[in-house]
């Protein structure tokens, strides 16, 4: 596929999977806009955006289109994790996780759709999780949001197939990102555990014997965005080292 001069928007592309995907698409010649809070590596085309604020999302997407006069790809990647049971989750934490993971994804897609419809072509990837398929302990709110993203993917794919807009969901497993290390730190603190040993245990429970790297997930996201996956829509694609097939 020729990515040259195609325009992509990625939310949360300053770190982790978002950053790896931004760098991969840029290496292919794609113009990539990072909609994110200010970060250490925000990229050349950075548009400040807090995805918890729906008006900020609309303004950011309008800015991208005004600059480029086109929009081809959207990766609604921004998200946060919370390691906590339901009783341990404060009201503020619940609101923050759902606002980031569900509201942010919903409005990113909603406000991008008019531009894609006008072109009668587009490809969208939403950030799911292995928890779009299975449950995990101490993850009630995070798992709730990723289950919701799976259903949002399917419904949106059906609604916008007549406009030649494809919508798929990448569902990573345990990936070596700042999000993971923050979760490991919280788990270790709450359970008086050694962080190195916790990470080793995460490696051992994957069928492939290791956790994944952001660059590996970026390759799958690029495939789902590209014309090479032209007959795929509404799919939840596991990229998890075999974790959910057990």
Protein backbone atom coordinates (compact mmCIF):
# COMPACT_ATOMS: atom_id res chain seq x y z
CA UNK A 1 0.00 0.00 0.00
CA UNK A 2 1.14 3.54 -0.77
CA UNK A 3 0.92 5.58 2.44
CA UNK A 4 2.49 8.71 0.98
CA UNK A 5 0.53 11.90 1.80
CA UNK A 6 -2.27 9.95 3.47
CA UNK A 7 -3.41 11.58 6.73
CA UNK A 8 -3.82 9.72 10.00
CA UNK A 9 -4.95 10.83 13.44
CA UNK A 10 -3.80 8.93 16.52
CA UNK A 11 -4.94 9.83 20.01
CA UNK A 12 -2.37 9.32 22.75
CA UNK A 13 0.58 8.93 20.38
CA UNK A 14 3.27 10.29 22.71
CA UNK A 15 4.03 6.97 24.42
CA UNK A 16 3.56 3.22 24.14
CA UNK A 17 1.57 1.66 21.32
CA UNK A 18 0.38 5.03 20.04
CA UNK A 19 3.93 6.30 19.69
CA UNK A 20 5.12 3.09 18.02
CA UNK A 21 2.25 3.30 15.54
CA UNK A 22 2.91 6.98 14.84
CA UNK A 23 6.56 6.28 14.11
CA UNK A 24 5.76 3.28 11.90
CA UNK A 25 3.22 5.17 9.79
CA UNK A 26 5.53 8.16 9.49
CA UNK A 27 8.30 5.85 8.25
CA UNK A 28 5.94 4.75 5.47
CA UNK A 29 5.31 8.34 4.37
CA UNK A 30 2.01 8.93 6.13
CA UNK A 31 1.24 12.33 7.66
CA UNK A 32 0.41 11.52 11.29
CA UNK A 33 -1.22 13.85 13.79
CA UNK A 34 -0.85 13.12 17.48
CA UNK A 35 -3.83 14.27 19.58
CA UNK A 36 -2.60 14.06 23.14
CA UNK A 37 -1.72 15.84 26.34
CA UNK A 38 1.70 17.50 26.05
CA UNK A 39 4.35 14.78 26.24
CA UNK A 40 8.08 14.24 26.02
CA UNK A 41 7.83 12.88 22.47
CA UNK A 42 4.70 14.42 20.98
CA UNK A 43 5.94 14.31 17.38
CA UNK A 44 6.10 16.87 14.59
CA UNK A 45 2.35 17.15 14.07
CA UNK A 46 1.12 17.57 17.61
CA UNK A 47 -2.32 18.94 18.45
CA UNK A 48 -3.02 19.35 22.18
CA UNK A 49 -6.14 17.43 23.13
CA UNK A 50 -7.61 15.99 26.31
CA UNK A 51 -9.86 13.19 25.07
CA UNK A 52 -12.02 13.50 28.18
CA UNK A 53 -13.23 16.79 26.69
CA UNK A 54 -15.47 16.14 23.68
CA UNK A 55 -15.24 19.74 22.45
CA UNK A 56 -11.45 19.52 22.55
CA UNK A 57 -11.63 16.43 20.33
CA UNK A 58 -13.86 18.17 17.79
CA UNK A 59 -11.62 21.23 17.73
CA UNK A 60 -8.51 19.08 17.25
CA UNK A 61 -10.02 17.09 14.38
CA UNK A 62 -11.27 20.28 12.73
CA UNK A 63 -7.73 21.65 13.00
CA UNK A 64 -6.27 18.59 11.28
CA UNK A 65 -8.76 18.77 8.42
CA UNK A 66 -8.26 22.50 7.95
CA UNK A 67 -4.52 21.90 7.59
CA UNK A 68 -4.66 18.85 5.32
CA UNK A 69 -8.10 18.97 3.67
CA UNK A 70 -8.38 15.19 4.08
CA UNK A 71 -8.49 12.44 6.69
CA UNK A 72 -7.84 8.81 5.86
CA UNK A 73 -7.12 6.92 9.08
CA UNK A 74 -8.11 7.18 12.73
CA UNK A 75 -6.57 5.20 15.58
CA UNK A 76 -8.51 5.88 18.79
CA UNK A 77 -5.69 4.70 21.00
CA UNK A 78 -5.69 6.93 24.11
CA UNK A 79 -6.49 5.07 27.30
CA UNK A 80 -5.60 4.55 30.93
CA UNK A 81 -5.55 1.54 33.23
CA UNK A 82 -6.72 1.06 36.81
CA UNK A 83 -5.75 -1.91 38.96
CA UNK A 84 -8.57 -2.09 41.52
CA UNK A 85 -11.63 -4.08 42.48
CA UNK A 86 -15.05 -2.43 42.32
CA UNK A 87 -15.04 -1.55 46.04
CA UNK A 88 -11.52 -0.16 45.80
CA UNK A 89 -12.43 2.12 42.89
CA UNK A 90 -13.22 5.69 43.89
CA UNK A 91 -15.88 7.73 42.12
CA UNK A 92 -13.16 9.97 40.71
CA UNK A 93 -11.20 7.00 39.35
CA UNK A 94 -14.32 5.52 37.76
CA UNK A 95 -15.14 8.82 36.06
CA UNK A 96 -11.58 9.30 34.84
CA UNK A 97 -11.17 5.81 33.36
CA UNK A 98 -14.56 5.76 31.64
CA UNK A 99 -14.15 9.33 30.36
CA UNK A 100 -10.77 8.52 28.85
CA UNK A 101 -11.38 5.02 27.52
CA UNK A 102 -15.04 5.17 26.44
CA UNK A 103 -16.02 8.81 26.02
CA UNK A 104 -12.68 9.66 24.39
CA UNK A 105 -12.95 6.84 21.85
CA UNK A 106 -16.63 7.50 21.13
CA UNK A 107 -16.19 11.17 20.35
CA UNK A 108 -12.94 10.70 18.44
CA UNK A 109 -14.77 8.41 16.06
CA UNK A 110 -17.98 10.45 16.03
CA UNK A 111 -16.27 13.69 15.06
CA UNK A 112 -14.03 11.99 12.47
CA UNK A 113 -16.90 10.25 10.69
CA UNK A 114 -18.25 13.29 8.78
CA UNK A 115 -14.85 13.77 7.13
CA UNK A 116 -14.57 10.09 6.22
CA UNK A 117 -18.15 10.01 4.93
CA UNK A 118 -17.46 12.99 2.68
CA UNK A 119 -14.61 11.00 1.10
CA UNK A 120 -16.68 7.79 1.08
CA UNK A 121 -13.66 5.94 2.37
CA UNK A 122 -11.80 5.57 5.62
CA UNK A 123 -10.36 3.14 8.12
CA UNK A 124 -10.71 3.32 11.89
CA UNK A 125 -9.05 1.24 14.58
CA UNK A 126 -10.17 1.34 18.20
CA UNK A 127 -7.98 0.29 21.10
CA UNK A 128 -9.41 -2.75 22.78
CA UNK A 129 -7.63 -5.25 25.02
CA UNK A 130 -7.44 -8.93 25.81
CA UNK A 131 -10.08 -7.86 28.33
CA UNK A 132 -12.44 -7.25 25.43
CA UNK A 133 -12.61 -11.09 25.46
CA UNK A 134 -11.81 -12.25 29.01
CA UNK A 135 -12.02 -10.98 32.56
CA UNK A 136 -9.10 -10.36 34.90
CA UNK A 137 -8.95 -9.82 38.64
CA UNK A 138 -8.72 -6.29 40.01
CA UNK A 139 -9.83 -4.83 36.70
CA UNK A 140 -13.55 -4.18 36.90
CA UNK A 141 -13.58 -0.65 35.50
CA UNK A 142 -10.82 -1.11 32.92
CA UNK A 143 -12.41 -4.36 31.73
CA UNK A 144 -15.79 -2.64 31.55
CA UNK A 145 -14.38 0.00 29.23
CA UNK A 146 -12.68 -2.50 26.93
CA UNK A 147 -15.80 -4.64 26.67
CA UNK A 148 -17.66 -1.50 25.65
CA UNK A 149 -15.06 -0.67 23.00
CA UNK A 150 -15.56 -4.10 21.46
CA UNK A 151 -19.28 -3.52 21.08
CA UNK A 152 -18.76 0.03 19.82
CA UNK A 153 -16.51 -1.40 17.11
CA UNK A 154 -19.12 -3.87 15.91
CA UNK A 155 -22.07 -1.45 15.83
CA UNK A 156 -20.11 1.31 14.14
CA UNK A 157 -18.75 -1.10 11.53
CA UNK A 158 -22.28 -2.09 10.57
CA UNK A 159 -23.58 1.48 10.48
CA UNK A 160 -20.81 2.86 8.27
CA UNK A 161 -20.06 -0.05 5.94
CA UNK A 162 -22.38 1.56 3.31
CA UNK A 163 -19.99 4.53 3.31
CA UNK A 164 -16.93 2.32 2.69
CA UNK A 165 -15.65 3.08 6.18
CA UNK A 166 -14.10 0.13 7.98
CA UNK A 167 -13.94 -0.10 11.78
CA UNK A 168 -11.81 -2.69 13.56
CA UNK A 169 -10.50 -3.19 17.09
CA UNK A 170 -6.96 -4.13 18.07
CA UNK A 171 -6.91 -6.18 21.27
CA UNK A 172 -3.39 -6.31 22.71
CA UNK A 173 -2.40 -8.52 25.59
CA UNK A 174 0.35 -7.64 28.04
CA UNK A 175 2.61 -5.14 26.27
CA UNK A 176 5.80 -3.46 27.50
CA UNK A 177 4.47 0.09 27.82
CA UNK A 178 4.47 2.82 30.49
CA UNK A 179 0.85 1.80 31.18
CA UNK A 180 1.95 -1.72 32.07
CA UNK A 181 4.80 -0.57 34.30
CA UNK A 182 2.48 1.77 36.17
CA UNK A 183 0.08 -1.13 36.76
CA UNK A 184 2.94 -3.35 37.95
CA UNK A 185 4.09 -0.67 40.36
CA UNK A 186 0.57 -0.33 41.80
CA UNK A 187 0.18 -4.12 42.12
CA UNK A 188 3.57 -4.49 43.76
CA UNK A 189 2.87 -1.67 46.19
CA UNK A 190 -0.51 -3.07 47.22
CA UNK A 191 0.77 -6.62 47.58
CA UNK A 192 4.30 -6.00 48.92
CA UNK A 193 5.64 -7.78 45.84
CA UNK A 194 8.91 -7.42 43.97
CA UNK A 195 8.38 -5.61 40.66
CA UNK A 196 10.98 -7.67 38.81
CA UNK A 197 9.35 -10.90 39.94
CA UNK A 198 5.91 -9.61 38.92
CA UNK A 199 7.19 -8.83 35.43
CA UNK A 200 8.79 -12.27 35.21
CA UNK A 201 5.48 -13.88 36.15
CA UNK A 202 3.74 -11.90 33.40
CA UNK A 203 6.21 -13.31 30.90
CA UNK A 204 5.67 -16.86 32.09
CA UNK A 205 1.86 -16.86 31.73
CA UNK A 206 1.99 -15.98 28.03
CA UNK A 207 1.97 -19.00 25.69
CA UNK A 208 4.82 -17.40 23.72
CA UNK A 209 6.76 -17.02 26.98
CA UNK A 210 7.11 -13.25 26.91
CA UNK A 211 5.15 -10.03 26.93
CA UNK A 212 4.78 -8.08 23.69
CA UNK A 213 6.48 -4.96 22.41
CA UNK A 214 4.65 -1.81 21.23
CA UNK A 215 6.24 -2.13 17.79
CA UNK A 216 4.63 -5.56 17.34
CA UNK A 217 1.18 -4.14 17.99
CA UNK A 218 1.87 -1.17 15.72
CA UNK A 219 2.41 -3.56 12.82
CA UNK A 220 -1.05 -5.07 13.34
CA UNK A 221 -2.66 -1.63 13.67
CA UNK A 222 -1.03 -0.55 10.40
CA UNK A 223 -2.40 -3.67 8.70
CA UNK A 224 -5.92 -2.98 9.98
CA UNK A 225 -5.77 0.64 8.85
CA UNK A 226 -4.40 -0.23 5.43
CA UNK A 227 -6.08 -1.44 2.25
CA UNK A 228 -4.38 -4.78 2.83
CA UNK A 229 -7.22 -5.58 5.27
CA UNK A 230 -9.88 -4.30 2.86
CA UNK A 231 -12.39 -7.11 3.59
CA UNK A 232 -12.15 -6.74 7.37
CA UNK A 233 -14.59 -4.68 9.39
CA UNK A 234 -16.15 -5.16 12.80
CA UNK A 235 -13.30 -7.47 13.82
CA UNK A 236 -11.78 -7.74 17.28
CA UNK A 237 -8.20 -8.78 16.57
CA UNK A 238 -6.23 -10.37 19.39
CA UNK A 239 -2.50 -9.65 19.44
CA UNK A 240 -1.64 -11.15 22.80
CA UNK A 241 0.93 -13.91 22.48
CA UNK A 242 -1.85 -16.49 22.62
CA UNK A 243 -3.22 -15.45 26.03
CA UNK A 244 -6.95 -15.52 25.25
CA UNK A 245 -6.83 -18.78 23.29
CA UNK A 246 -6.02 -20.76 26.44
